[in-house]
Amino acid sequence: MDRSLYSIRPFVEADYEVQARIENKVNPEIPVSAEELRHWERSATLQPGRVNLKYSVSENRTGTMVAFGALHHQSYAFHPQKFAVSVIVEPGHRGRGIGRALLERLEKEGRQRRATRLWCNYRDGDEPSGRFASLNGFVTRRKVWLSRLELAAAQLEGIPDRTEDLVARGFRFTTLVREGTERRVVQEHLHRLMRVTSADVPRLGEYTPLTFEEFLARDLGGPGLLPEAVFLAAQGDEYVGVSWLVRELADGTALRIGFTGTDPRVRGVGLATQLKRRAVLHARDRGYRYLTTVNDSLNRPIWAINQKLGFRQQVTWVQGEKTVEPARS
């Protein structure tokens, strides 16, 4: 990177708006807002010892931010020596060594924290990003993809409404707003469900459940929360299944399936399918055009449900991993 043209500096609050614009240029299929970025990053560092270190690159002549990089712990896979690293450069400024300079800075910070692993994501088929990752020591581990359902074409005829049958078997269907979003007992029961259903979601690293305080801030305190679109299955006083829709703040025509899962004790009876069916009907009946969701390549059961509903893959990201030698004292 030519230091006479560009400068690396700490990320500041005002950079979130520019970060959102750059991310939306690079990944237009999954638009983000500055409000969402602030929320996720703040909620990810509630626990002591969680790192979220960010740098920006500005063009010296104009002062315009043209890239950013981050080193941070993963909320659901926390390990003090394992970090996610991201480097995103505005398309018009690529090929000038900016990404390499940012990565070197972030790796140095990681080594000072005795990092042993770094994880990254890049678009499948983006050859420059793939070469950059490979040349810098990242090895492909798995893939995740964004899929989208055009609600007008949702394929519900192959997924009959089994509410009556499941109610007869002792299940109850409800929503977060009906149960009471602010009720402590509801929050605690939903937190327990999220802990047990998230445990076997495919991921890089070992599973780390959110604390109750993190859950309240991250999920129930999220700017895209729609309590009427958090669909629940209950058995007695316990919640045993959930399909959770959130607003796409940067796209008023779409909702996102943030999470779907069932308690391992009641899997195999069709709860996830019925909850997703309710989510699709909710979004369609309220005039939304699309539902979006992200699937891990190893999560075949959920992808099978999505295919039945008519979801189609839009873009795939590669997840890479790098072994790091910590800095020597």
C-alpha atoms as a PDB file:
ATOM      1  CA  MET A   1       0.000   0.000   0.000  1.00  0.00           C
ATOM      2  CA  ASP A   2       1.338   3.425  -0.959  1.00  0.00           C
ATOM      3  CA  ARG A   3       1.455   5.364   2.307  1.00  0.00           C
ATOM      4  CA  SER A   4       1.515   8.630   0.393  1.00  0.00           C
ATOM      5  CA  LEU A   5      -1.974   7.801  -0.937  1.00  0.00           C
ATOM      6  CA  TYR A   6      -3.602   5.889   1.930  1.00  0.00           C
ATOM      7  CA  SER A   7      -3.459   5.783   5.730  1.00  0.00           C
ATOM      8  CA  ILE A   8      -4.569   3.172   8.269  1.00  0.00           C
ATOM      9  CA  ARG A   9      -6.282   4.577  11.355  1.00  0.00           C
ATOM     10  CA  PRO A  10      -8.503   3.287  14.181  1.00  0.00           C
ATOM     11  CA  PHE A  11     -12.162   2.802  13.266  1.00  0.00           C
ATOM     12  CA  VAL A  12     -14.434   5.546  14.666  1.00  0.00           C
ATOM     13  CA  GLU A  13     -18.190   5.819  15.231  1.00  0.00           C
ATOM     14  CA  ALA A  14     -18.766   7.864  12.076  1.00  0.00           C
ATOM     15  CA  ASP A  15     -17.270   5.043   9.977  1.00  0.00           C
ATOM     16  CA  TYR A  16     -20.290   2.767  10.423  1.00  0.00           C
ATOM     17  CA  GLU A  17     -22.273   4.552   7.710  1.00  0.00           C
ATOM     18  CA  VAL A  18     -19.404   4.167   5.243  1.00  0.00           C
ATOM     19  CA  GLN A  19     -18.824   0.554   6.299  1.00  0.00           C
ATOM     20  CA  ALA A  20     -22.455  -0.230   5.469  1.00  0.00           C
ATOM     21  CA  ARG A  21     -22.120   1.377   2.020  1.00  0.00           C
ATOM     22  CA  ILE A  22     -18.935  -0.564   1.247  1.00  0.00           C
ATOM     23  CA  GLU A  23     -20.393  -3.868   2.466  1.00  0.00           C
ATOM     24  CA  ASN A  24     -23.516  -3.332   0.375  1.00  0.00           C
ATOM     25  CA  LYS A  25     -21.393  -2.801  -2.734  1.00  0.00           C
ATOM     26  CA  VAL A  26     -19.417  -5.980  -2.104  1.00  0.00           C
ATOM     27  CA  ASN A  27     -22.369  -8.131  -0.939  1.00  0.00           C
ATOM     28  CA  PRO A  28     -25.519  -6.513  -2.391  1.00  0.00           C
ATOM     29  CA  GLU A  29     -27.577  -9.681  -1.873  1.00  0.00           C
ATOM     30  CA  ILE A  30     -27.527  -9.267   1.917  1.00  0.00           C
ATOM     31  CA  PRO A  31     -27.725  -5.522   2.604  1.00  0.00           C
ATOM     32  CA  VAL A  32     -26.836  -4.210   6.048  1.00  0.00           C
ATOM     33  CA  SER A  33     -27.474  -0.929   7.841  1.00  0.00           C
ATOM     34  CA  ALA A  34     -25.195   1.066  10.110  1.00  0.00           C
ATOM     35  CA  GLU A  35     -27.719   0.529  12.916  1.00  0.00           C
ATOM     36  CA  GLU A  36     -27.405  -3.251  12.601  1.00  0.00           C
ATOM     37  CA  LEU A  37     -23.602  -3.131  12.489  1.00  0.00           C
ATOM     38  CA  ARG A  38     -23.448  -1.054  15.668  1.00  0.00           C
ATOM     39  CA  HIS A  39     -25.858  -3.379  17.438  1.00  0.00           C
ATOM     40  CA  TRP A  40     -24.131  -6.663  16.571  1.00  0.00           C
ATOM     41  CA  GLU A  41     -20.674  -5.384  17.443  1.00  0.00           C
ATOM     42  CA  ARG A  42     -21.698  -3.885  20.755  1.00  0.00           C
ATOM     43  CA  SER A  43     -23.624  -6.959  21.842  1.00  0.00           C
ATOM     44  CA  ALA A  44     -20.678  -9.186  20.848  1.00  0.00           C
ATOM     45  CA  THR A  45     -18.378  -7.525  23.376  1.00  0.00           C
ATOM     46  CA  LEU A  46     -20.632  -7.544  26.446  1.00  0.00           C
ATOM     47  CA  GLN A  47     -18.640 -10.309  28.118  1.00  0.00           C
ATOM     48  CA  PRO A  48     -15.185  -9.523  29.563  1.00  0.00           C
ATOM     49  CA  GLY A  49     -12.292 -10.513  27.331  1.00  0.00           C
ATOM     50  CA  ARG A  50     -14.200 -10.308  24.034  1.00  0.00           C
ATOM     51  CA  VAL A  51     -12.241  -8.507  21.329  1.00  0.00           C
ATOM     52  CA  ASN A  52     -13.617  -6.406  18.481  1.00  0.00           C
ATOM     53  CA  LEU A  53     -10.702  -4.458  17.053  1.00  0.00           C
ATOM     54  CA  LYS A  54     -11.259  -2.425  13.869  1.00  0.00           C
ATOM     55  CA  TYR A  55      -9.204  -0.259  11.520  1.00  0.00           C
ATOM     56  CA  SER A  56     -10.168   1.951   8.619  1.00  0.00           C
ATOM     57  CA  VAL A  57      -8.165   3.001   5.562  1.00  0.00           C
ATOM     58  CA  SER A  58      -8.634   6.542   4.293  1.00  0.00           C
ATOM     59  CA  GLU A  59      -7.537   8.156   1.059  1.00  0.00           C
ATOM     60  CA  ASN A  60      -5.102  10.919   2.046  1.00  0.00           C
ATOM     61  CA  ARG A  61      -6.209  13.363  -0.659  1.00  0.00           C
ATOM     62  CA  THR A  62      -9.919  13.304   0.150  1.00  0.00           C
ATOM     63  CA  GLY A  63     -10.074  11.814   3.639  1.00  0.00           C
ATOM     64  CA  THR A  64     -12.600   9.290   2.315  1.00  0.00           C
ATOM     65  CA  MET A  65     -12.734   5.878   3.981  1.00  0.00           C
ATOM     66  CA  VAL A  66     -12.145   3.208   1.326  1.00  0.00           C
ATOM     67  CA  ALA A  67     -11.625   0.020   3.359  1.00  0.00           C
ATOM     68  CA  PHE A  68     -11.907  -1.465   6.813  1.00  0.00           C
ATOM     69  CA  GLY A  69     -10.680  -4.513   8.670  1.00  0.00           C
ATOM     70  CA  ALA A  70     -11.656  -6.232  11.896  1.00  0.00           C
ATOM     71  CA  LEU A  71     -10.298  -8.809  14.317  1.00  0.00           C
ATOM     72  CA  HIS A  72     -12.963 -10.181  16.633  1.00  0.00           C
ATOM     73  CA  HIS A  73     -14.097 -13.149  18.685  1.00  0.00           C
ATOM     74  CA  GLN A  74     -17.079 -15.177  17.510  1.00  0.00           C
ATOM     75  CA  SER A  75     -20.140 -14.969  19.774  1.00  0.00           C
ATOM     76  CA  TYR A  76     -21.151 -18.632  19.336  1.00  0.00           C
ATOM     77  CA  ALA A  77     -17.601 -20.011  19.132  1.00  0.00           C
ATOM     78  CA  PHE A  78     -15.615 -18.024  21.667  1.00  0.00           C
ATOM     79  CA  HIS A  79     -12.043 -19.035  22.365  1.00  0.00           C
ATOM     80  CA  PRO A  80      -9.560 -16.452  23.673  1.00  0.00           C
ATOM     81  CA  GLN A  81      -6.996 -17.428  21.017  1.00  0.00           C
ATOM     82  CA  LYS A  82      -9.303 -17.890  18.004  1.00  0.00           C
ATOM     83  CA  PHE A  83     -10.495 -14.898  15.987  1.00  0.00           C
ATOM     84  CA  ALA A  84     -12.496 -14.039  12.916  1.00  0.00           C
ATOM     85  CA  VAL A  85     -10.726 -11.602  10.618  1.00  0.00           C
ATOM     86  CA  SER A  86     -12.370  -9.535   7.899  1.00  0.00           C
ATOM     87  CA  VAL A  87     -10.879  -7.220   5.309  1.00  0.00           C
ATOM     88  CA  ILE A  88     -13.166  -5.421   2.861  1.00  0.00           C
ATOM     89  CA  VAL A  89     -11.912  -2.921   0.286  1.00  0.00           C
ATOM     90  CA  GLU A  90     -14.129  -0.617  -1.768  1.00  0.00           C
ATOM     91  CA  PRO A  91     -14.120  -2.140  -5.292  1.00  0.00           C
ATOM     92  CA  GLY A  92     -12.595   0.939  -6.945  1.00  0.00           C
ATOM     93  CA  HIS A  93      -9.545   0.771  -4.670  1.00  0.00           C
ATOM     94  CA  ARG A  94      -8.694  -2.910  -4.929  1.00  0.00           C
ATOM     95  CA  GLY A  95      -5.355  -4.153  -6.235  1.00  0.00           C
ATOM     96  CA  ARG A  96      -3.342  -1.456  -4.459  1.00  0.00           C
ATOM     97  CA  GLY A  97      -2.084  -3.407  -1.444  1.00  0.00           C
ATOM     98  CA  ILE A  98      -4.695  -2.024   0.943  1.00  0.00           C
ATOM     99  CA  GLY A  99      -6.061  -5.435   1.902  1.00  0.00           C
ATOM    100  CA  ARG A 100      -2.600  -6.821   2.534  1.00  0.00           C
ATOM    101  CA  ALA A 101      -1.665  -3.859   4.746  1.00  0.00           C
ATOM    102  CA  LEU A 102      -4.836  -4.272   6.792  1.00  0.00           C
ATOM    103  CA  LEU A 103      -4.366  -8.023   7.168  1.00  0.00           C
ATOM    104  CA  GLU A 104      -0.774  -7.549   8.325  1.00  0.00           C
ATOM    105  CA  ARG A 105      -1.971  -5.089  10.977  1.00  0.00           C
ATOM    106  CA  LEU A 106      -4.733  -7.436  12.147  1.00  0.00           C
ATOM    107  CA  GLU A 107      -2.461 -10.503  12.222  1.00  0.00           C
ATOM    108  CA  LYS A 108       0.032  -8.554  14.314  1.00  0.00           C
ATOM    109  CA  GLU A 109      -2.746  -7.697  16.767  1.00  0.00           C
ATOM    110  CA  GLY A 110      -3.794 -11.347  16.812  1.00  0.00           C
ATOM    111  CA  ARG A 111      -0.290 -12.600  17.536  1.00  0.00           C
ATOM    112  CA  GLN A 112       0.031 -10.131  20.390  1.00  0.00           C
ATOM    113  CA  ARG A 113      -3.081 -11.800  21.817  1.00  0.00           C
ATOM    114  CA  ARG A 114      -1.509 -15.241  21.302  1.00  0.00           C
ATOM    115  CA  ALA A 115      -3.875 -16.185  18.479  1.00  0.00           C
ATOM    116  CA  THR A 116      -3.717 -19.786  17.275  1.00  0.00           C
ATOM    117  CA  ARG A 117      -6.449 -19.621  14.593  1.00  0.00           C
ATOM    118  CA  LEU A 118      -7.853 -17.011  12.259  1.00  0.00           C
ATOM    119  CA  TRP A 119     -11.087 -17.485  10.291  1.00  0.00           C
ATOM    120  CA  CYS A 120     -12.197 -15.612   7.196  1.00  0.00           C
ATOM    121  CA  ASN A 121     -15.068 -15.498   4.663  1.00  0.00           C
ATOM    122  CA  TYR A 122     -14.992 -14.577   0.989  1.00  0.00           C
ATOM    123  CA  ARG A 123     -17.357 -14.925  -1.954  1.00  0.00           C
ATOM    124  CA  ASP A 124     -17.094 -18.191  -3.829  1.00  0.00           C
ATOM    125  CA  GLY A 125     -16.090 -17.426  -7.404  1.00  0.00           C
ATOM    126  CA  ASP A 126     -14.348 -14.165  -6.464  1.00  0.00           C
ATOM    127  CA  GLU A 127     -10.954 -15.229  -7.803  1.00  0.00           C
ATOM    128  CA  PRO A 128      -8.928 -12.250  -6.487  1.00  0.00           C
ATOM    129  CA  SER A 129     -10.308 -12.780  -2.964  1.00  0.00           C
ATOM    130  CA  GLY A 130      -9.694 -16.514  -3.199  1.00  0.00           C
ATOM    131  CA  ARG A 131      -6.077 -15.957  -4.270  1.00  0.00           C
ATOM    132  CA  PHE A 132      -5.613 -13.372  -1.522  1.00  0.00           C
ATOM    133  CA  ALA A 133      -6.858 -15.827   1.115  1.00  0.00           C
ATOM    134  CA  SER A 134      -4.731 -18.672  -0.225  1.00  0.00           C
ATOM    135  CA  LEU A 135      -1.556 -16.611  -0.544  1.00  0.00           C
ATOM    136  CA  ASN A 136      -1.991 -15.453   3.033  1.00  0.00           C
ATOM    137  CA  GLY A 137      -2.259 -18.962   4.421  1.00  0.00           C
ATOM    138  CA  PHE A 138      -6.013 -19.561   4.691  1.00  0.00           C
ATOM    139  CA  VAL A 139      -7.243 -23.081   3.926  1.00  0.00           C
ATOM    140  CA  THR A 140     -10.847 -23.778   2.853  1.00  0.00           C
ATOM    141  CA  ARG A 141     -12.878 -25.515   5.565  1.00  0.00           C
ATOM    142  CA  ARG A 142     -16.514 -25.294   4.424  1.00  0.00           C
ATOM    143  CA  LYS A 143     -19.068 -23.151   2.627  1.00  0.00           C
ATOM    144  CA  VAL A 144     -22.222 -21.264   3.572  1.00  0.00           C
ATOM    145  CA  TRP A 145     -24.763 -19.799   1.218  1.00  0.00           C
ATOM    146  CA  LEU A 146     -27.491 -17.200   1.127  1.00  0.00           C
ATOM    147  CA  SER A 147     -30.783 -18.464  -0.260  1.00  0.00           C
ATOM    148  CA  ARG A 148     -33.896 -16.520  -1.128  1.00  0.00           C
ATOM    149  CA  LEU A 149     -37.567 -17.359  -1.435  1.00  0.00           C
ATOM    150  CA  GLU A 150     -39.766 -15.280  -3.710  1.00  0.00           C
ATOM    151  CA  LEU A 151     -42.909 -15.363  -1.610  1.00  0.00           C
ATOM    152  CA  ALA A 152     -45.305 -15.182  -4.541  1.00  0.00           C
ATOM    153  CA  ALA A 153     -43.814 -18.487  -5.705  1.00  0.00           C
ATOM    154  CA  ALA A 154     -43.645 -20.204  -2.294  1.00  0.00           C
ATOM    155  CA  GLN A 155     -44.289 -23.932  -2.672  1.00  0.00           C
ATOM    156  CA  LEU A 156     -46.643 -24.654   0.218  1.00  0.00           C
ATOM    157  CA  GLU A 157     -48.753 -27.269  -1.537  1.00  0.00           C
ATOM    158  CA  GLY A 158     -46.203 -29.959  -0.680  1.00  0.00           C
ATOM    159  CA  ILE A 159     -46.165 -28.983   3.002  1.00  0.00           C
ATOM    160  CA  PRO A 160     -49.630 -29.548   4.480  1.00  0.00           C
ATOM    161  CA  ASP A 161     -50.773 -27.830   7.655  1.00  0.00           C
ATOM    162  CA  ARG A 162     -50.279 -30.442  10.398  1.00  0.00           C
ATOM    163  CA  THR A 163     -51.295 -28.203  13.292  1.00  0.00           C
ATOM    164  CA  GLU A 164     -54.242 -30.358  14.308  1.00  0.00           C
ATOM    165  CA  ASP A 165     -52.171 -33.539  14.403  1.00  0.00           C
ATOM    166  CA  LEU A 166     -49.329 -31.968  16.375  1.00  0.00           C
ATOM    167  CA  VAL A 167     -51.682 -30.312  18.862  1.00  0.00           C
ATOM    168  CA  ALA A 168     -53.269 -33.724  19.420  1.00  0.00           C
ATOM    169  CA  ARG A 169     -49.768 -35.009  20.247  1.00  0.00           C
ATOM    170  CA  GLY A 170     -49.365 -32.408  22.990  1.00  0.00           C
ATOM    171  CA  PHE A 171     -47.707 -29.486  21.189  1.00  0.00           C
ATOM    172  CA  ARG A 172     -48.886 -25.879  21.266  1.00  0.00           C
ATOM    173  CA  PHE A 173     -48.123 -23.249  18.620  1.00  0.00           C
ATOM    174  CA  THR A 174     -47.708 -19.619  19.619  1.00  0.00           C
ATOM    175  CA  THR A 175     -45.621 -16.477  19.025  1.00  0.00           C
ATOM    176  CA  LEU A 176     -43.318 -14.374  21.153  1.00  0.00           C
ATOM    177  CA  VAL A 177     -45.751 -11.446  21.187  1.00  0.00           C
ATOM    178  CA  ARG A 178     -48.586 -13.718  22.325  1.00  0.00           C
ATOM    179  CA  GLU A 179     -46.438 -15.157  25.112  1.00  0.00           C
ATOM    180  CA  GLY A 180     -45.241 -11.724  26.246  1.00  0.00           C
ATOM    181  CA  THR A 181     -41.935 -10.348  24.939  1.00  0.00           C
ATOM    182  CA  GLU A 182     -41.121  -8.548  28.200  1.00  0.00           C
ATOM    183  CA  ARG A 183     -42.053 -11.387  30.562  1.00  0.00           C
ATOM    184  CA  ARG A 184     -38.969 -12.704  32.359  1.00  0.00           C
ATOM    185  CA  VAL A 185     -40.208 -16.315  32.398  1.00  0.00           C
ATOM    186  CA  VAL A 186     -40.781 -16.195  28.628  1.00  0.00           C
ATOM    187  CA  GLN A 187     -37.304 -14.762  28.059  1.00  0.00           C
ATOM    188  CA  GLU A 188     -35.716 -17.451  30.227  1.00  0.00           C
ATOM    189  CA  HIS A 189     -37.549 -20.304  28.510  1.00  0.00           C
ATOM    190  CA  LEU A 190     -36.675 -18.949  25.073  1.00  0.00           C
ATOM    191  CA  HIS A 191     -33.040 -18.543  26.105  1.00  0.00           C
ATOM    192  CA  ARG A 192     -32.935 -22.197  27.208  1.00  0.00           C
ATOM    193  CA  LEU A 193     -34.368 -23.272  23.859  1.00  0.00           C
ATOM    194  CA  MET A 194     -31.829 -21.201  21.920  1.00  0.00           C
ATOM    195  CA  ARG A 195     -28.970 -22.701  23.956  1.00  0.00           C
ATOM    196  CA  VAL A 196     -29.939 -26.313  23.255  1.00  0.00           C
ATOM    197  CA  THR A 197     -30.937 -25.828  19.618  1.00  0.00           C
ATOM    198  CA  SER A 198     -27.785 -23.875  18.743  1.00  0.00           C
ATOM    199  CA  ALA A 199     -25.416 -26.494  20.118  1.00  0.00           C
ATOM    200  CA  ASP A 200     -25.205 -28.632  16.976  1.00  0.00           C
ATOM    201  CA  VAL A 201     -25.397 -25.871  14.351  1.00  0.00           C
ATOM    202  CA  PRO A 202     -22.342 -26.362  12.092  1.00  0.00           C
ATOM    203  CA  ARG A 203     -19.625 -23.766  12.721  1.00  0.00           C
ATOM    204  CA  LEU A 204     -15.886 -23.267  12.783  1.00  0.00           C
ATOM    205  CA  GLY A 205     -14.710 -23.634  16.369  1.00  0.00           C
ATOM    206  CA  GLU A 206     -16.338 -25.052  19.475  1.00  0.00           C
ATOM    207  CA  TYR A 207     -19.836 -24.037  20.534  1.00  0.00           C
ATOM    208  CA  THR A 208     -20.165 -21.327  23.167  1.00  0.00           C
ATOM    209  CA  PRO A 209     -23.735 -20.566  24.320  1.00  0.00           C
ATOM    210  CA  LEU A 210     -24.806 -16.977  24.846  1.00  0.00           C
ATOM    211  CA  THR A 211     -25.332 -15.880  28.425  1.00  0.00           C
ATOM    212  CA  PHE A 212     -28.827 -14.683  29.318  1.00  0.00           C
ATOM    213  CA  GLU A 213     -27.589 -11.072  29.312  1.00  0.00           C
ATOM    214  CA  GLU A 214     -26.074 -11.510  25.837  1.00  0.00           C
ATOM    215  CA  PHE A 215     -29.284 -13.098  24.576  1.00  0.00           C
ATOM    216  CA  LEU A 216     -31.381 -10.190  25.857  1.00  0.00           C
ATOM    217  CA  ALA A 217     -29.101  -7.623  24.237  1.00  0.00           C
ATOM    218  CA  ARG A 218     -28.236  -9.431  21.017  1.00  0.00           C
ATOM    219  CA  ASP A 219     -31.488 -11.158  20.054  1.00  0.00           C
ATOM    220  CA  LEU A 220     -34.363  -9.662  22.035  1.00  0.00           C
ATOM    221  CA  GLY A 221     -32.766  -6.210  21.876  1.00  0.00           C
ATOM    222  CA  GLY A 222     -32.001  -6.326  18.166  1.00  0.00           C
ATOM    223  CA  PRO A 223     -33.204  -3.491  15.894  1.00  0.00           C
ATOM    224  CA  GLY A 224     -34.873  -5.981  13.552  1.00  0.00           C
ATOM    225  CA  LEU A 225     -36.910  -7.795  16.227  1.00  0.00           C
ATOM    226  CA  LEU A 226     -40.501  -8.630  15.235  1.00  0.00           C
ATOM    227  CA  PRO A 227     -42.094 -10.371  18.256  1.00  0.00           C
ATOM    228  CA  GLU A 228     -45.153 -11.306  16.210  1.00  0.00           C
ATOM    229  CA  ALA A 229     -42.858 -13.132  13.759  1.00  0.00           C
ATOM    230  CA  VAL A 230     -41.008 -15.281  16.307  1.00  0.00           C
ATOM    231  CA  PHE A 231     -42.928 -18.551  15.897  1.00  0.00           C
ATOM    232  CA  LEU A 232     -42.767 -21.022  18.778  1.00  0.00           C
ATOM    233  CA  ALA A 233     -43.781 -24.596  19.498  1.00  0.00           C
ATOM    234  CA  ALA A 234     -44.316 -25.476  23.139  1.00  0.00           C
ATOM    235  CA  GLN A 235     -44.786 -28.666  25.109  1.00  0.00           C
ATOM    236  CA  GLY A 236     -46.195 -27.973  28.527  1.00  0.00           C
ATOM    237  CA  ASP A 237     -44.374 -24.939  29.936  1.00  0.00           C
ATOM    238  CA  GLU A 238     -41.297 -25.433  27.753  1.00  0.00           C
ATOM    239  CA  TYR A 239     -40.578 -24.062  24.310  1.00  0.00           C
ATOM    240  CA  VAL A 240     -39.293 -26.852  22.075  1.00  0.00           C
ATOM    241  CA  GLY A 241     -39.153 -25.257  18.627  1.00  0.00           C
ATOM    242  CA  VAL A 242     -38.621 -21.834  17.048  1.00  0.00           C
ATOM    243  CA  SER A 243     -38.489 -20.146  13.657  1.00  0.00           C
ATOM    244  CA  TRP A 244     -37.427 -16.536  14.085  1.00  0.00           C
ATOM    245  CA  LEU A 245     -37.987 -13.823  11.473  1.00  0.00           C
ATOM    246  CA  VAL A 246     -36.284 -10.432  11.627  1.00  0.00           C
ATOM    247  CA  ARG A 247     -36.641  -7.269   9.573  1.00  0.00           C
ATOM    248  CA  GLU A 248     -34.098  -6.507   6.874  1.00  0.00           C
ATOM    249  CA  LEU A 249     -33.478  -2.890   7.885  1.00  0.00           C
ATOM    250  CA  ALA A 250     -31.778  -2.055   4.585  1.00  0.00           C
ATOM    251  CA  ASP A 251     -34.497  -3.695   2.449  1.00  0.00           C
ATOM    252  CA  GLY A 252     -38.121  -3.040   3.329  1.00  0.00           C
ATOM    253  CA  THR A 253     -39.334  -5.710   0.888  1.00  0.00           C
ATOM    254  CA  ALA A 254     -37.690  -8.625   2.703  1.00  0.00           C
ATOM    255  CA  LEU A 255     -37.583 -10.472   5.989  1.00  0.00           C
ATOM    256  CA  ARG A 256     -34.776 -12.770   7.100  1.00  0.00           C
ATOM    257  CA  ILE A 257     -35.062 -16.126   8.833  1.00  0.00           C
ATOM    258  CA  GLY A 258     -32.609 -15.517  11.624  1.00  0.00           C
ATOM    259  CA  PHE A 259     -32.830 -18.983  13.139  1.00  0.00           C
ATOM    260  CA  THR A 260     -34.864 -22.195  13.070  1.00  0.00           C
ATOM    261  CA  GLY A 261     -34.364 -25.078  15.491  1.00  0.00           C
ATOM    262  CA  THR A 262     -36.019 -27.737  17.610  1.00  0.00           C
ATOM    263  CA  ASP A 263     -35.111 -29.317  20.924  1.00  0.00           C
ATOM    264  CA  PRO A 264     -33.237 -32.599  20.222  1.00  0.00           C
ATOM    265  CA  ARG A 265     -35.780 -34.461  22.364  1.00  0.00           C
ATOM    266  CA  VAL A 266     -38.620 -33.789  19.917  1.00  0.00           C
ATOM    267  CA  ARG A 267     -36.874 -33.814  16.570  1.00  0.00           C
ATOM    268  CA  GLY A 268     -38.284 -35.855  13.742  1.00  0.00           C
ATOM    269  CA  VAL A 269     -41.969 -35.028  14.215  1.00  0.00           C
ATOM    270  CA  GLY A 270     -42.060 -32.097  11.781  1.00  0.00           C
ATOM    271  CA  LEU A 271     -42.021 -29.093  14.124  1.00  0.00           C
ATOM    272  CA  ALA A 272     -39.347 -27.164  12.199  1.00  0.00           C
ATOM    273  CA  THR A 273     -41.236 -27.615   8.940  1.00  0.00           C
ATOM    274  CA  GLN A 274     -44.509 -26.411  10.463  1.00  0.00           C
ATOM    275  CA  LEU A 275     -42.844 -23.408  12.093  1.00  0.00           C
ATOM    276  CA  LYS A 276     -41.190 -22.404   8.829  1.00  0.00           C
ATOM    277  CA  ARG A 277     -44.511 -22.836   7.043  1.00  0.00           C
ATOM    278  CA  ARG A 278     -46.058 -20.352   9.481  1.00  0.00           C
ATOM    279  CA  ALA A 279     -43.154 -17.948   8.905  1.00  0.00           C
ATOM    280  CA  VAL A 280     -43.634 -18.066   5.128  1.00  0.00           C
ATOM    281  CA  LEU A 281     -47.384 -17.459   5.415  1.00  0.00           C
ATOM    282  CA  HIS A 282     -46.816 -14.556   7.815  1.00  0.00           C
ATOM    283  CA  ALA A 283     -44.370 -12.821   5.469  1.00  0.00           C
ATOM    284  CA  ARG A 284     -46.467 -13.427   2.359  1.00  0.00           C
ATOM    285  CA  ASP A 285     -49.715 -12.273   3.964  1.00  0.00           C
ATOM    286  CA  ARG A 286     -48.091  -9.004   5.035  1.00  0.00           C
ATOM    287  CA  GLY A 287     -46.959  -8.111   1.545  1.00  0.00           C
ATOM    288  CA  TYR A 288     -43.244  -8.877   1.720  1.00  0.00           C
ATOM    289  CA  ARG A 289     -41.612  -9.978  -1.536  1.00  0.00           C
ATOM    290  CA  TYR A 290     -38.785 -12.160  -0.231  1.00  0.00           C
ATOM    291  CA  LEU A 291     -37.531 -14.269   2.631  1.00  0.00           C
ATOM    292  CA  THR A 292     -33.775 -14.733   2.935  1.00  0.00           C
ATOM    293  CA  THR A 293     -31.741 -17.137   5.042  1.00  0.00           C
ATOM    294  CA  VAL A 294     -28.186 -18.427   5.373  1.00  0.00           C
ATOM    295  CA  ASN A 295     -27.397 -22.151   5.339  1.00  0.00           C
ATOM    296  CA  ASP A 296     -24.225 -23.997   6.244  1.00  0.00           C
ATOM    297  CA  SER A 297     -23.217 -26.642   3.702  1.00  0.00           C
ATOM    298  CA  LEU A 298     -23.287 -29.244   6.491  1.00  0.00           C
ATOM    299  CA  ASN A 299     -26.797 -28.409   7.714  1.00  0.00           C
ATOM    300  CA  ARG A 300     -28.670 -30.678   5.308  1.00  0.00           C
ATOM    301  CA  PRO A 301     -31.904 -31.103   7.326  1.00  0.00           C
ATOM    302  CA  ILE A 302     -32.681 -27.377   7.346  1.00  0.00           C
ATOM    303  CA  TRP A 303     -31.672 -26.988   3.696  1.00  0.00           C
ATOM    304  CA  ALA A 304     -34.038 -29.833   2.781  1.00  0.00           C
ATOM    305  CA  ILE A 305     -36.926 -27.930   4.389  1.00  0.00           C
ATOM    306  CA  ASN A 306     -35.917 -24.722   2.605  1.00  0.00           C
ATOM    307  CA  GLN A 307     -35.815 -26.497  -0.755  1.00  0.00           C
ATOM    308  CA  LYS A 308     -39.337 -27.837  -0.223  1.00  0.00           C
ATOM    309  CA  LEU A 309     -40.543 -24.301   0.420  1.00  0.00           C
ATOM    310  CA  GLY A 310     -38.900 -23.028  -2.757  1.00  0.00           C
ATOM    311  CA  PHE A 311     -35.743 -21.321  -1.496  1.00  0.00           C
ATOM    312  CA  ARG A 312     -33.001 -20.990  -4.125  1.00  0.00           C
ATOM    313  CA  GLN A 313     -29.286 -20.391  -3.574  1.00  0.00           C
ATOM    314  CA  GLN A 314     -28.159 -16.844  -4.409  1.00  0.00           C
ATOM    315  CA  VAL A 315     -24.529 -16.508  -3.362  1.00  0.00           C
ATOM    316  CA  THR A 316     -22.005 -18.750  -1.589  1.00  0.00           C
ATOM    317  CA  TRP A 317     -19.214 -17.794   0.783  1.00  0.00           C
ATOM    318  CA  VAL A 318     -16.099 -19.831   1.479  1.00  0.00           C
ATOM    319  CA  GLN A 319     -14.952 -20.125   5.091  1.00  0.00           C
ATOM    320  CA  GLY A 320     -11.202 -20.335   5.502  1.00  0.00           C
ATOM    321  CA  GLU A 321      -8.943 -21.059   8.462  1.00  0.00           C
ATOM    322  CA  LYS A 322      -5.315 -20.150   9.153  1.00  0.00           C
ATOM    323  CA  THR A 323      -2.993 -21.506  11.831  1.00  0.00           C
ATOM    324  CA  VAL A 324      -1.062 -18.698  13.489  1.00  0.00           C
ATOM    325  CA  GLU A 325       2.184 -18.728  15.393  1.00  0.00           C
ATOM    326  CA  PRO A 326       1.843 -16.343  18.374  1.00  0.00           C
ATOM    327  CA  ALA A 327       4.357 -13.514  18.702  1.00  0.00           C
ATOM    328  CA  ARG A 328       7.359 -14.415  20.804  1.00  0.00           C
ATOM    329  CA  SER A 329       8.021 -12.327  23.878  1.00  0.00           C
END
